[in-house]
PDB file of N, CA and C in Angstrom:
ATOM      1  N   MET A   1       0.833  -1.185   0.000  1.00  0.00           N
ATOM      2  CA  MET A   1       0.000   0.000   0.000  1.00  0.00           C
ATOM      3  C   MET A   1       0.879   1.251   0.000  1.00  0.00           C
ATOM      4  N   SER A   2       0.326   2.317  -0.529  1.00  0.00           N
ATOM      5  CA  SER A   2       1.069   3.571  -0.574  1.00  0.00           C
ATOM      6  C   SER A   2       0.843   4.365   0.721  1.00  0.00           C
ATOM      7  N   ILE A   3       1.628   5.414   0.865  1.00  0.00           N
ATOM      8  CA  ILE A   3       1.509   6.277   2.039  1.00  0.00           C
ATOM      9  C   ILE A   3       0.214   7.068   1.929  1.00  0.00           C
ATOM     10  N   CYS A   4      -0.553   7.076   3.001  1.00  0.00           N
ATOM     11  CA  CYS A   4      -1.834   7.781   2.996  1.00  0.00           C
ATOM     12  C   CYS A   4      -1.920   8.615   4.273  1.00  0.00           C
ATOM     13  N   PRO A   5      -1.942   9.959   4.149  1.00  0.00           N
ATOM     14  CA  PRO A   5      -2.018  10.770   5.362  1.00  0.00           C
ATOM     15  C   PRO A   5      -3.349  10.589   6.081  1.00  0.00           C
ATOM     16  N   LYS A   6      -3.292  10.616   7.415  1.00  0.00           N
ATOM     17  CA  LYS A   6      -4.492  10.423   8.220  1.00  0.00           C
ATOM     18  C   LYS A   6      -5.432  11.623   8.096  1.00  0.00           C
ATOM     19  N   ASN A   7      -4.857  12.839   8.132  1.00  0.00           N
ATOM     20  CA  ASN A   7      -5.653  14.061   8.025  1.00  0.00           C
ATOM     21  C   ASN A   7      -5.088  14.954   6.920  1.00  0.00           C
ATOM     22  N   LYS A   8      -5.943  15.842   6.417  1.00  0.00           N
ATOM     23  CA  LYS A   8      -5.508  16.776   5.384  1.00  0.00           C
ATOM     24  C   LYS A   8      -4.615  17.848   5.997  1.00  0.00           C
ATOM     25  N   SER A   9      -3.485  18.144   5.335  1.00  0.00           N
ATOM     26  CA  SER A   9      -2.632  19.249   5.766  1.00  0.00           C
ATOM     27  C   SER A   9      -3.203  20.535   5.200  1.00  0.00           C
ATOM     28  N   SER A  10      -3.373  21.527   6.054  1.00  0.00           N
ATOM     29  CA  SER A  10      -3.925  22.802   5.596  1.00  0.00           C
ATOM     30  C   SER A  10      -2.910  23.520   4.716  1.00  0.00           C
ATOM     31  N   LYS A  11      -3.400  24.506   3.951  1.00  0.00           N
ATOM     32  CA  LYS A  11      -2.523  25.264   3.068  1.00  0.00           C
ATOM     33  C   LYS A  11      -1.476  26.030   3.870  1.00  0.00           C
ATOM     34  N   GLY A  12      -1.880  26.527   5.020  1.00  0.00           N
ATOM     35  CA  GLY A  12      -0.946  27.263   5.872  1.00  0.00           C
ATOM     36  C   GLY A  12       0.183  26.382   6.373  1.00  0.00           C
ATOM     37  N   ARG A  13      -0.142  25.188   6.832  1.00  0.00           N
ATOM     38  CA  ARG A  13       0.879  24.260   7.331  1.00  0.00           C
ATOM     39  C   ARG A  13       1.808  23.827   6.194  1.00  0.00           C
ATOM     40  N   ARG A  14       1.218  23.558   5.027  1.00  0.00           N
ATOM     41  CA  ARG A  14       2.007  23.151   3.861  1.00  0.00           C
ATOM     42  C   ARG A  14       2.955  24.275   3.445  1.00  0.00           C
ATOM     43  N   ASP A  15       2.453  25.504   3.410  1.00  0.00           N
ATOM     44  CA  ASP A  15       3.263  26.630   2.955  1.00  0.00           C
ATOM     45  C   ASP A  15       4.335  27.017   3.964  1.00  0.00           C
ATOM     46  N   LYS A  16       4.094  26.793   5.256  1.00  0.00           N
ATOM     47  CA  LYS A  16       5.129  27.048   6.263  1.00  0.00           C
ATOM     48  C   LYS A  16       6.327  26.138   6.041  1.00  0.00           C
ATOM     49  N   ARG A  17       6.069  24.920   5.641  1.00  0.00           N
ATOM     50  CA  ARG A  17       7.128  23.962   5.369  1.00  0.00           C
ATOM     51  C   ARG A  17       7.971  24.415   4.182  1.00  0.00           C
ATOM     52  N   ARG A  18       7.352  25.060   3.218  1.00  0.00           N
ATOM     53  CA  ARG A  18       8.052  25.490   2.010  1.00  0.00           C
ATOM     54  C   ARG A  18       8.634  26.894   2.123  1.00  0.00           C
ATOM     55  N   ALA A  19       8.479  27.539   3.268  1.00  0.00           N
ATOM     56  CA  ALA A  19       8.919  28.926   3.414  1.00  0.00           C
ATOM     57  C   ALA A  19      10.434  29.062   3.386  1.00  0.00           C
ATOM     58  N   ASN A  20      11.170  27.995   3.685  1.00  0.00           N
ATOM     59  CA  ASN A  20      12.625  28.083   3.754  1.00  0.00           C
ATOM     60  C   ASN A  20      13.307  27.676   2.456  1.00  0.00           C
ATOM     61  N   TRP A  21      12.579  27.589   1.366  1.00  0.00           N
ATOM     62  CA  TRP A  21      13.148  27.204   0.081  1.00  0.00           C
ATOM     63  C   TRP A  21      13.634  28.406  -0.706  1.00  0.00           C
ATOM     64  N   LYS A  22      13.996  29.482  -0.033  1.00  0.00           N
ATOM     65  CA  LYS A  22      14.358  30.707  -0.734  1.00  0.00           C
ATOM     66  C   LYS A  22      15.810  30.657  -1.211  1.00  0.00           C
ATOM     67  N   MET A  23      16.076  31.428  -2.236  1.00  0.00           N
ATOM     68  CA  MET A  23      17.434  31.540  -2.762  1.00  0.00           C
ATOM     69  C   MET A  23      18.228  32.486  -1.870  1.00  0.00           C
ATOM     70  N   SER A  24      19.533  32.293  -1.821  1.00  0.00           N
ATOM     71  CA  SER A  24      20.381  33.209  -1.065  1.00  0.00           C
ATOM     72  C   SER A  24      21.411  33.814  -2.015  1.00  0.00           C
ATOM     73  N   ALA A  25      21.796  35.036  -1.721  1.00  0.00           N
ATOM     74  CA  ALA A  25      22.788  35.720  -2.553  1.00  0.00           C
ATOM     75  C   ALA A  25      24.146  35.047  -2.364  1.00  0.00           C
ATOM     76  N   PRO A  26      24.948  34.961  -3.420  1.00  0.00           N
ATOM     77  CA  PRO A  26      26.259  34.323  -3.275  1.00  0.00           C
ATOM     78  C   PRO A  26      27.169  35.163  -2.377  1.00  0.00           C
ATOM     79  N   THR A  27      27.989  34.505  -1.591  1.00  0.00           N
ATOM     80  CA  THR A  27      28.932  35.182  -0.714  1.00  0.00           C
ATOM     81  C   THR A  27      30.111  35.673  -1.540  1.00  0.00           C
ATOM     82  N   LEU A  28      30.452  36.934  -1.393  1.00  0.00           N
ATOM     83  CA  LEU A  28      31.572  37.515  -2.121  1.00  0.00           C
ATOM     84  C   LEU A  28      32.537  38.162  -1.139  1.00  0.00           C
ATOM     85  N   VAL A  29      33.829  38.034  -1.413  1.00  0.00           N
ATOM     86  CA  VAL A  29      34.866  38.671  -0.601  1.00  0.00           C
ATOM     87  C   VAL A  29      35.791  39.444  -1.535  1.00  0.00           C
ATOM     88  N   LYS A  30      36.510  40.418  -0.968  1.00  0.00           N
ATOM     89  CA  LYS A  30      37.451  41.201  -1.770  1.00  0.00           C
ATOM     90  C   LYS A  30      38.743  40.418  -1.943  1.00  0.00           C
ATOM     91  N   CYS A  31      39.287  40.479  -3.143  1.00  0.00           N
ATOM     92  CA  CYS A  31      40.595  39.863  -3.424  1.00  0.00           C
ATOM     93  C   CYS A  31      41.647  40.618  -2.614  1.00  0.00           C
ATOM     94  N   SER A  32      42.576  39.879  -2.002  1.00  0.00           N
ATOM     95  CA  SER A  32      43.584  40.512  -1.158  1.00  0.00           C
ATOM     96  C   SER A  32      44.623  41.273  -1.977  1.00  0.00           C
ATOM     97  N   LYS A  33      44.716  40.977  -3.274  1.00  0.00           N
ATOM     98  CA  LYS A  33      45.720  41.639  -4.100  1.00  0.00           C
ATOM     99  C   LYS A  33      45.138  42.785  -4.922  1.00  0.00           C
ATOM    100  N   CYS A  34      44.037  42.531  -5.654  1.00  0.00           N
ATOM    101  CA  CYS A  34      43.499  43.568  -6.549  1.00  0.00           C
ATOM    102  C   CYS A  34      42.218  44.213  -6.029  1.00  0.00           C
ATOM    103  N   GLY A  35      41.545  43.606  -5.056  1.00  0.00           N
ATOM    104  CA  GLY A  35      40.346  44.197  -4.482  1.00  0.00           C
ATOM    105  C   GLY A  35      39.053  43.859  -5.208  1.00  0.00           C
ATOM    106  N   ALA A  36      39.109  43.022  -6.238  1.00  0.00           N
ATOM    107  CA  ALA A  36      37.903  42.626  -6.970  1.00  0.00           C
ATOM    108  C   ALA A  36      37.093  41.647  -6.128  1.00  0.00           C
ATOM    109  N   LEU A  37      35.776  41.627  -6.332  1.00  0.00           N
ATOM    110  CA  LEU A  37      34.918  40.706  -5.594  1.00  0.00           C
ATOM    111  C   LEU A  37      34.999  39.316  -6.214  1.00  0.00           C
ATOM    112  N   THR A  38      35.264  38.308  -5.370  1.00  0.00           N
ATOM    113  CA  THR A  38      35.364  36.924  -5.825  1.00  0.00           C
ATOM    114  C   THR A  38      34.691  36.022  -4.801  1.00  0.00           C
ATOM    115  N   ALA A  39      34.457  34.781  -5.188  1.00  0.00           N
ATOM    116  CA  ALA A  39      33.942  33.786  -4.254  1.00  0.00           C
ATOM    117  C   ALA A  39      35.062  33.391  -3.292  1.00  0.00           C
ATOM    118  N   PRO A  40      34.743  33.134  -2.021  1.00  0.00           N
ATOM    119  CA  PRO A  40      35.796  32.776  -1.078  1.00  0.00           C
ATOM    120  C   PRO A  40      36.442  31.429  -1.425  1.00  0.00           C
ATOM    121  N   HIS A  41      37.727  31.320  -1.157  1.00  0.00           N
ATOM    122  CA  HIS A  41      38.520  30.106  -1.386  1.00  0.00           C
ATOM    123  C   HIS A  41      38.580  29.722  -2.866  1.00  0.00           C
ATOM    124  N   ARG A  42      38.559  30.730  -3.743  1.00  0.00           N
ATOM    125  CA  ARG A  42      38.676  30.509  -5.184  1.00  0.00           C
ATOM    126  C   ARG A  42      39.727  31.460  -5.738  1.00  0.00           C
ATOM    127  N   VAL A  43      40.320  31.094  -6.868  1.00  0.00           N
ATOM    128  CA  VAL A  43      41.280  31.968  -7.535  1.00  0.00           C
ATOM    129  C   VAL A  43      40.527  33.172  -8.094  1.00  0.00           C
ATOM    130  N   CYS A  44      41.109  34.351  -7.940  1.00  0.00           N
ATOM    131  CA  CYS A  44      40.495  35.585  -8.443  1.00  0.00           C
ATOM    132  C   CYS A  44      40.513  35.562  -9.965  1.00  0.00           C
ATOM    133  N   LYS A  45      39.364  35.852 -10.586  1.00  0.00           N
ATOM    134  CA  LYS A  45      39.283  35.853 -12.047  1.00  0.00           C
ATOM    135  C   LYS A  45      39.901  37.108 -12.639  1.00  0.00           C
ATOM    136  N   ALA A  46      40.017  38.174 -11.852  1.00  0.00           N
ATOM    137  CA  ALA A  46      40.552  39.429 -12.363  1.00  0.00           C
ATOM    138  C   ALA A  46      42.079  39.405 -12.444  1.00  0.00           C
ATOM    139  N   CYS A  47      42.739  38.908 -11.382  1.00  0.00           N
ATOM    140  CA  CYS A  47      44.215  38.942 -11.369  1.00  0.00           C
ATOM    141  C   CYS A  47      44.861  37.557 -11.340  1.00  0.00           C
ATOM    142  N   GLY A  48      44.092  36.500 -11.102  1.00  0.00           N
ATOM    143  CA  GLY A  48      44.644  35.145 -11.105  1.00  0.00           C
ATOM    144  C   GLY A  48      45.398  34.781  -9.844  1.00  0.00           C
ATOM    145  N   CYS A  49      45.140  35.487  -8.743  1.00  0.00           N
ATOM    146  CA  CYS A  49      45.861  35.237  -7.500  1.00  0.00           C
ATOM    147  C   CYS A  49      44.973  34.566  -6.467  1.00  0.00           C
ATOM    148  N   TYR A  50      45.620  33.811  -5.584  1.00  0.00           N
ATOM    149  CA  TYR A  50      44.946  33.208  -4.437  1.00  0.00           C
ATOM    150  C   TYR A  50      45.891  33.312  -3.257  1.00  0.00           C
ATOM    151  N   ASN A  51      45.422  33.863  -2.171  1.00  0.00           N
ATOM    152  CA  ASN A  51      46.216  34.040  -0.950  1.00  0.00           C
ATOM    153  C   ASN A  51      47.494  34.837  -1.234  1.00  0.00           C
ATOM    154  N   LYS A  52      47.345  35.921  -2.014  1.00  0.00           N
ATOM    155  CA  LYS A  52      48.420  36.847  -2.396  1.00  0.00           C
ATOM    156  C   LYS A  52      49.508  36.192  -3.243  1.00  0.00           C
ATOM    157  N   LYS A  53      49.252  35.024  -3.815  1.00  0.00           N
ATOM    158  CA  LYS A  53      50.213  34.368  -4.699  1.00  0.00           C
ATOM    159  C   LYS A  53      49.591  34.224  -6.080  1.00  0.00           C
ATOM    160  N   GLU A  54      50.396  34.452  -7.128  1.00  0.00           N
ATOM    161  CA  GLU A  54      49.887  34.328  -8.492  1.00  0.00           C
ATOM    162  C   GLU A  54      49.791  32.845  -8.854  1.00  0.00           C
ATOM    163  N   ILE A  55      48.582  32.394  -9.148  1.00  0.00           N
ATOM    164  CA  ILE A  55      48.330  30.998  -9.477  1.00  0.00           C
ATOM    165  C   ILE A  55      48.188  30.837 -10.993  1.00  0.00           C
ATOM    166  N   ILE A  56      47.424  31.742 -11.598  1.00  0.00           N
ATOM    167  CA  ILE A  56      47.163  31.694 -13.032  1.00  0.00           C
ATOM    168  C   ILE A  56      47.678  32.996 -13.641  1.00  0.00           C
ATOM    169  N   LYS A  57      48.385  32.884 -14.741  1.00  0.00           N
ATOM    170  CA  LYS A  57      48.845  34.087 -15.432  1.00  0.00           C
ATOM    171  C   LYS A  57      47.727  34.593 -16.318  1.00  0.00           C
ATOM    172  N   ILE A  58      47.272  35.817 -16.070  1.00  0.00           N
ATOM    173  CA  ILE A  58      46.189  36.429 -16.840  1.00  0.00           C
ATOM    174  C   ILE A  58      46.803  37.380 -17.852  1.00  0.00           C
ATOM    175  N   GLU A  59      46.493  37.195 -19.120  1.00  0.00           N
ATOM    176  CA  GLU A  59      46.980  38.083 -20.181  1.00  0.00           C
ATOM    177  C   GLU A  59      46.008  39.247 -20.320  1.00  0.00           C
ATOM    178  N   ASP A  60      46.535  40.489 -20.338  1.00  0.00           N
ATOM    179  CA  ASP A  60      45.672  41.666 -20.489  1.00  0.00           C
ATOM    180  C   ASP A  60      45.617  42.141 -21.913  1.00  0.00           C
TER     181      ASP A  60
END
C-alpha cells in the first residue's frame, strides 16, 4: 500500500514547510591583491591570484 495521510494538511501548514526554500545571494569577498569581488577560497578571475600568490597568469 502507498503512504496515505491520516488528516488533510492545511494550506498554511504546507506553505510554512516550504517557506525556507528561498534563494540566497552568493557570498563575495574582496581579493587581497586587486580588491575585486570573488567567491571565497577561489582563484580571483581578475588577477589570477589566491592568498596573495599568483596561481594563473592572466593576459591583459
